[in-house]
Amino acid sequence: MKKVFIVNPMSGQGKALEIIKYIESKCKENHENYEIIYTSFKYEASSIAKKYNNCIIYAVGGDGTINEVVNGMAYSNSLLHVIPAGSGNDFYKTISKCKEGIMDIDLGKVNDKYFINSASIGIDSEISNNASLMKKLNIPKSQIYNASIIYTFLKYKPYLLNVENKEMLYSLLTITNGKYYGGGFKITPDADLSDGYLNLCSLDNVKKIELISFLLNVIKGEHYGKKHVHNSKIKNIKVTSNVEILCGIDGECIRSNEFNFKVCPNAIRYYNHDDYDIKRLIVSK
């Protein structure tokens, strides 16, 4: 099969360019049928992915790049492979622990947009959104999410949400397909990419000191069963608000006053082979 590499050259402050240079040398060495395409504007990766059939499409970038590629190739006859070159790489943290082989995996969908890893409403979506602001400042890459957490805490207020006709204040409400989000927080440790379900984790409106305790537990995936924390497996759910609110989707953000979430079983075929020893390569970066 032809290999198509869709590369976000801005990912990881140049890390994507370093990785693809190495991969190209390997493709030439092995006389492979391949093509490398660099994106130059937002959402271009989706339109590129739509043009190819019966290929292995490699998303080279962060979670936002992967999301764009997925939205262009859902239910296609091409295979997806992720080469992590972003700052968070949360989906890769889940898929890298799966067995090698070709896998049928689920996607989530919120309104008209697919997501492969997570969608969130509340303080976590605000942190994700504010991380984009932090990237524009002179902050070390490893501290971007920590800086965003502090910034968000200073101004955060809970959301009044109507979830399946029950209205209450939430600190956060997260719908996931993978286990991790926010740069390594293990929000849904029981997530399975191929079980035909999405994972819901919500936190009631709590004091900021309790919120800090919650986030510390989430780092290790030890928040299930704690007071004010609720988790379940779902196939679909409707969330509305009286005002327009933010929903973070695979590191990107959309705004609306109504979000309809649903699982899309077996929507992507994933090529889970480390042909170029990427695990070794990214560890060395």
Protein backbone atom coordinates (compact mmCIF):
# COMPACT_ATOMS: atom_id res chain seq x y z
CA MET A 1 0.00 0.00 0.00
CA LYS A 2 1.09 3.54 -0.67
CA LYS A 3 2.18 5.50 2.40
CA VAL A 4 0.95 9.10 2.66
CA PHE A 5 2.50 11.30 5.35
CA ILE A 6 0.43 14.37 6.27
CA VAL A 7 2.75 16.63 8.24
CA ASN A 8 2.03 19.69 10.34
CA PRO A 9 5.40 21.49 10.12
CA MET A 10 4.50 23.67 13.13
CA SER A 11 3.97 20.72 15.51
CA GLY A 12 6.27 20.34 18.46
CA GLN A 13 8.29 23.45 17.64
CA GLY A 14 9.92 21.71 14.69
CA LYS A 15 9.86 18.13 16.02
CA ALA A 16 7.59 17.02 13.16
CA LEU A 17 10.13 18.21 10.60
CA GLU A 18 12.95 16.33 12.32
CA ILE A 19 10.94 13.12 12.44
CA ILE A 20 9.74 13.27 8.85
CA LYS A 21 13.27 13.90 7.61
CA TYR A 22 14.34 10.66 9.27
CA ILE A 23 11.33 8.76 7.90
CA GLU A 24 11.91 10.02 4.36
CA SER A 25 15.46 8.70 4.44
CA LYS A 26 14.11 5.29 5.50
CA CYS A 27 11.44 5.32 2.75
CA LYS A 28 14.10 6.05 0.11
CA GLU A 29 16.39 3.41 1.54
CA ASN A 30 13.59 0.81 1.38
CA HIS A 31 12.35 1.95 -2.08
CA GLU A 32 8.84 2.47 -0.72
CA ASN A 33 5.87 4.03 -2.51
CA TYR A 34 5.32 7.14 -0.43
CA GLU A 35 4.27 10.79 -0.52
CA ILE A 36 4.91 13.58 2.00
CA ILE A 37 2.48 16.50 2.18
CA TYR A 38 2.98 19.50 4.45
CA THR A 39 -0.04 21.43 5.70
CA SER A 40 0.00 25.22 5.57
CA PHE A 41 -3.33 26.22 7.11
CA LYS A 42 -5.93 24.98 9.59
CA TYR A 43 -8.17 22.08 8.49
CA GLU A 44 -6.10 21.45 5.37
CA ALA A 45 -5.20 17.98 6.67
CA SER A 46 -8.89 16.97 6.43
CA SER A 47 -9.19 17.89 2.76
CA ILE A 48 -5.88 16.15 1.99
CA ALA A 49 -6.94 12.92 3.73
CA LYS A 50 -10.21 12.84 1.75
CA LYS A 51 -8.31 12.62 -1.54
CA TYR A 52 -6.65 9.28 -0.80
CA ASN A 53 -8.06 5.75 -0.88
CA ASN A 54 -6.57 2.39 0.00
CA CYS A 55 -3.47 3.97 1.55
CA ILE A 56 -1.78 4.10 4.92
CA ILE A 57 -2.24 7.69 6.02
CA TYR A 58 0.28 8.84 8.61
CA ALA A 59 -0.74 11.83 10.74
CA VAL A 60 2.52 13.51 11.75
CA GLY A 61 1.80 16.11 14.41
CA GLY A 62 -0.14 16.61 17.62
CA ASP A 63 -3.68 15.69 18.63
CA GLY A 64 -5.13 18.57 16.60
CA THR A 65 -3.45 17.29 13.42
CA ILE A 66 -4.71 13.77 14.10
CA ASN A 67 -8.23 15.14 14.56
CA GLU A 68 -8.11 16.88 11.19
CA VAL A 69 -6.89 13.73 9.43
CA VAL A 70 -9.56 11.62 11.11
CA ASN A 71 -12.30 14.02 10.01
CA GLY A 72 -11.11 13.53 6.43
CA MET A 73 -10.86 9.74 6.43
CA ALA A 74 -13.58 8.39 8.75
CA TYR A 75 -15.17 5.24 7.28
CA SER A 76 -12.73 5.23 4.36
CA ASN A 77 -10.81 2.17 3.11
CA SER A 78 -7.47 3.71 4.13
CA LEU A 79 -5.55 2.88 7.29
CA LEU A 80 -4.54 5.45 9.89
CA HIS A 81 -1.22 5.61 11.70
CA VAL A 82 -0.15 8.30 14.16
CA ILE A 83 3.38 9.63 14.48
CA PRO A 84 3.36 11.81 17.63
CA ALA A 85 5.04 15.17 17.14
CA GLY A 86 2.96 17.53 19.28
CA SER A 87 3.14 18.81 22.82
CA GLY A 88 0.52 16.50 24.36
CA ASN A 89 0.25 13.40 22.14
CA ASP A 90 -2.57 12.04 24.31
CA PHE A 91 -4.14 9.68 21.79
CA TYR A 92 -0.73 8.12 21.12
CA LYS A 93 -0.37 7.36 24.84
CA THR A 94 -3.36 5.03 24.54
CA ILE A 95 -2.76 3.48 21.11
CA SER A 96 0.94 2.82 21.78
CA LYS A 97 -0.05 0.39 24.53
CA CYS A 98 -2.30 -1.67 22.23
CA LYS A 99 -1.18 -4.86 20.50
CA GLU A 100 0.45 -4.54 17.09
CA GLY A 101 -1.69 -5.29 14.07
CA ILE A 102 -4.53 -3.72 12.11
CA MET A 103 -7.27 -2.63 14.50
CA ASP A 104 -10.83 -1.44 13.98
CA ILE A 105 -11.29 1.44 16.42
CA ASP A 106 -14.20 3.69 17.36
CA LEU A 107 -14.56 7.40 16.95
CA GLY A 108 -16.66 9.83 18.91
CA LYS A 109 -18.76 12.48 17.23
CA VAL A 110 -20.01 15.76 18.66
CA ASN A 111 -22.51 17.58 16.45
CA ASP A 112 -20.93 17.28 12.98
CA LYS A 113 -17.31 16.76 14.06
CA TYR A 114 -15.49 13.50 14.79
CA PHE A 115 -13.00 13.08 17.61
CA ILE A 116 -10.60 10.23 18.17
CA ASN A 117 -9.51 10.96 21.74
CA SER A 118 -11.63 13.31 23.84
CA ALA A 119 -14.23 16.06 24.03
CA SER A 120 -14.66 18.11 27.18
CA ILE A 121 -16.75 20.90 28.70
CA GLY A 122 -15.69 22.80 31.81
CA ILE A 123 -12.38 23.69 33.36
CA ASP A 124 -10.52 21.09 31.27
CA SER A 125 -11.73 22.64 28.00
CA GLU A 126 -10.77 26.07 29.32
CA ILE A 127 -7.30 24.78 30.20
CA SER A 128 -6.94 23.30 26.70
CA ASN A 129 -8.11 26.54 25.10
CA ASN A 130 -5.82 28.67 27.26
CA ALA A 131 -2.88 26.39 26.45
CA SER A 132 -3.01 27.88 22.97
CA LEU A 133 -2.46 31.28 24.57
CA MET A 134 0.45 29.94 26.61
CA LYS A 135 2.14 28.61 23.45
CA LYS A 136 2.38 32.18 22.19
CA LEU A 137 4.33 33.21 25.29
CA ASN A 138 7.94 32.45 26.11
CA ILE A 139 7.08 29.40 28.22
CA PRO A 140 9.01 26.09 28.04
CA LYS A 141 7.07 23.45 26.10
CA SER A 142 7.04 21.09 29.11
CA GLN A 143 5.34 23.77 31.25
CA ILE A 144 2.62 24.95 28.84
CA TYR A 145 -0.21 22.94 30.44
CA ASN A 146 0.94 23.76 33.96
CA ALA A 147 0.93 27.47 33.10
CA SER A 148 -2.51 27.11 31.53
CA ILE A 149 -3.86 25.36 34.65
CA ILE A 150 -2.71 28.23 36.89
CA TYR A 151 -4.06 30.87 34.52
CA THR A 152 -7.41 29.10 34.20
CA PHE A 153 -7.82 28.61 37.95
CA LEU A 154 -7.56 32.32 38.55
CA LYS A 155 -10.60 33.12 36.37
CA TYR A 156 -12.62 29.90 36.24
CA LYS A 157 -16.36 29.63 37.00
CA PRO A 158 -18.48 26.44 36.77
CA TYR A 159 -20.87 25.72 33.89
CA LEU A 160 -24.63 25.35 34.30
CA LEU A 161 -25.43 22.40 32.04
CA ASN A 162 -28.53 20.43 31.13
CA VAL A 163 -27.43 16.81 30.70
CA GLU A 164 -30.19 14.49 29.49
CA ASN A 165 -32.84 16.88 30.90
CA LYS A 166 -31.16 17.25 34.29
CA GLU A 167 -29.77 20.71 35.01
CA MET A 168 -26.92 21.32 37.45
CA LEU A 169 -23.57 23.05 37.88
CA TYR A 170 -20.50 21.15 36.69
CA SER A 171 -16.80 21.75 37.16
CA LEU A 172 -16.13 19.51 34.18
CA LEU A 173 -17.79 16.97 31.93
CA THR A 174 -15.56 14.87 29.69
CA ILE A 175 -16.46 12.37 26.96
CA THR A 176 -13.55 10.21 25.81
CA ASN A 177 -12.50 7.45 23.48
CA GLY A 178 -8.92 7.24 24.77
CA LYS A 179 -7.54 7.13 28.30
CA TYR A 180 -5.54 10.39 28.46
CA TYR A 181 -6.04 14.08 27.81
CA GLY A 182 -4.54 17.46 28.72
CA GLY A 183 -0.96 16.35 28.19
CA GLY A 184 -1.06 13.08 30.17
CA PHE A 185 -3.98 13.28 32.64
CA LYS A 186 -5.46 9.76 32.90
CA ILE A 187 -9.09 10.88 32.87
CA THR A 188 -10.74 7.58 31.85
CA PRO A 189 -8.41 4.71 32.78
CA ASP A 190 -10.97 2.08 31.75
CA ALA A 191 -11.34 3.40 28.19
CA ASP A 192 -11.20 0.91 25.31
CA LEU A 193 -10.80 2.17 21.75
CA SER A 194 -12.75 -0.75 20.29
CA ASP A 195 -15.59 -1.50 22.73
CA GLY A 196 -18.37 0.41 20.96
CA TYR A 197 -18.75 2.88 23.83
CA LEU A 198 -17.57 6.32 24.84
CA ASN A 199 -16.52 7.09 28.41
CA LEU A 200 -18.15 9.79 30.53
CA CYS A 201 -16.37 11.35 33.49
CA SER A 202 -17.93 14.33 35.25
CA LEU A 203 -17.17 16.37 38.33
CA ASP A 204 -19.86 18.24 40.26
CA ASN A 205 -19.42 21.89 41.10
CA VAL A 206 -16.74 21.84 43.81
CA LYS A 207 -14.51 24.34 45.59
CA LYS A 208 -11.20 25.15 43.92
CA ILE A 209 -9.23 23.32 46.62
CA GLU A 210 -11.27 20.17 45.84
CA LEU A 211 -10.67 20.72 42.16
CA ILE A 212 -6.93 20.72 42.74
CA SER A 213 -7.25 17.44 44.64
CA PHE A 214 -9.27 15.99 41.76
CA LEU A 215 -6.66 16.94 39.16
CA LEU A 216 -3.87 15.46 41.26
CA ASN A 217 -5.80 12.19 41.40
CA VAL A 218 -6.48 12.29 37.65
CA ILE A 219 -2.75 12.39 36.90
CA LYS A 220 -2.52 8.81 38.20
CA GLY A 221 -6.02 7.77 37.18
CA GLU A 222 -7.08 7.39 40.81
CA HIS A 223 -10.17 9.64 40.82
CA TYR A 224 -12.85 7.01 40.16
CA GLY A 225 -14.92 6.40 43.28
CA LYS A 226 -14.03 9.75 44.82
CA LYS A 227 -16.72 12.10 46.12
CA HIS A 228 -18.42 14.23 43.43
CA VAL A 229 -16.86 12.16 40.60
CA HIS A 230 -19.15 10.21 38.25
CA ASN A 231 -18.14 7.85 35.45
CA SER A 232 -20.01 5.59 33.05
CA LYS A 233 -19.98 4.02 29.58
CA ILE A 234 -22.30 5.68 27.08
CA LYS A 235 -23.33 5.43 23.43
CA ASN A 236 -24.82 8.92 23.16
CA ILE A 237 -25.66 11.91 25.32
CA LYS A 238 -27.07 15.41 24.83
CA VAL A 239 -25.67 18.44 26.66
CA THR A 240 -27.20 21.91 26.42
CA SER A 241 -26.69 25.31 28.00
CA ASN A 242 -28.60 28.59 28.12
CA VAL A 243 -25.50 30.35 26.83
CA GLU A 244 -22.84 29.52 24.26
CA ILE A 245 -20.09 27.48 25.87
CA LEU A 246 -16.74 25.97 24.98
CA CYS A 247 -16.12 22.32 24.09
CA GLY A 248 -12.56 21.12 23.63
CA ILE A 249 -12.20 18.43 20.96
CA ASP A 250 -8.82 16.68 20.64
CA GLY A 251 -7.06 19.86 21.68
CA GLU A 252 -9.15 22.12 19.43
CA CYS A 253 -12.19 24.14 20.56
CA ILE A 254 -15.71 24.80 19.29
CA ARG A 255 -18.51 26.90 20.78
CA SER A 256 -22.24 26.18 20.89
CA ASN A 257 -25.16 25.96 23.32
CA GLU A 258 -25.97 22.37 22.32
CA PHE A 259 -23.68 19.35 21.98
CA ASN A 260 -24.86 15.93 20.82
CA PHE A 261 -22.30 13.22 21.50
CA LYS A 262 -22.39 9.72 20.05
CA VAL A 263 -20.08 6.78 19.47
CA CYS A 264 -19.22 5.69 15.92
CA PRO A 265 -18.13 2.04 16.20
CA ASN A 266 -15.33 0.75 13.95
CA ALA A 267 -15.11 4.08 12.10
CA ILE A 268 -11.34 3.90 11.56
CA ARG A 269 -8.96 1.08 10.68
CA TYR A 270 -5.70 1.66 12.53
CA TYR A 271 -2.31 0.39 11.35
CA ASN A 272 -0.55 -0.31 14.63
CA HIS A 273 2.97 -1.14 13.47
CA ASP A 274 6.09 0.81 14.40
CA ASP A 275 7.77 0.39 11.01
CA TYR A 276 10.34 3.12 11.59
CA ASP A 277 11.11 2.54 15.27
CA ILE A 278 9.36 5.80 16.11
CA LYS A 279 9.09 4.92 19.80
CA ARG A 280 12.88 4.93 20.05
CA LEU A 281 13.14 8.06 17.95
CA ILE A 282 10.68 10.20 19.96
CA VAL A 283 12.18 9.13 23.27
CA SER A 284 15.52 10.44 22.08
CA LYS A 285 14.07 13.85 21.16
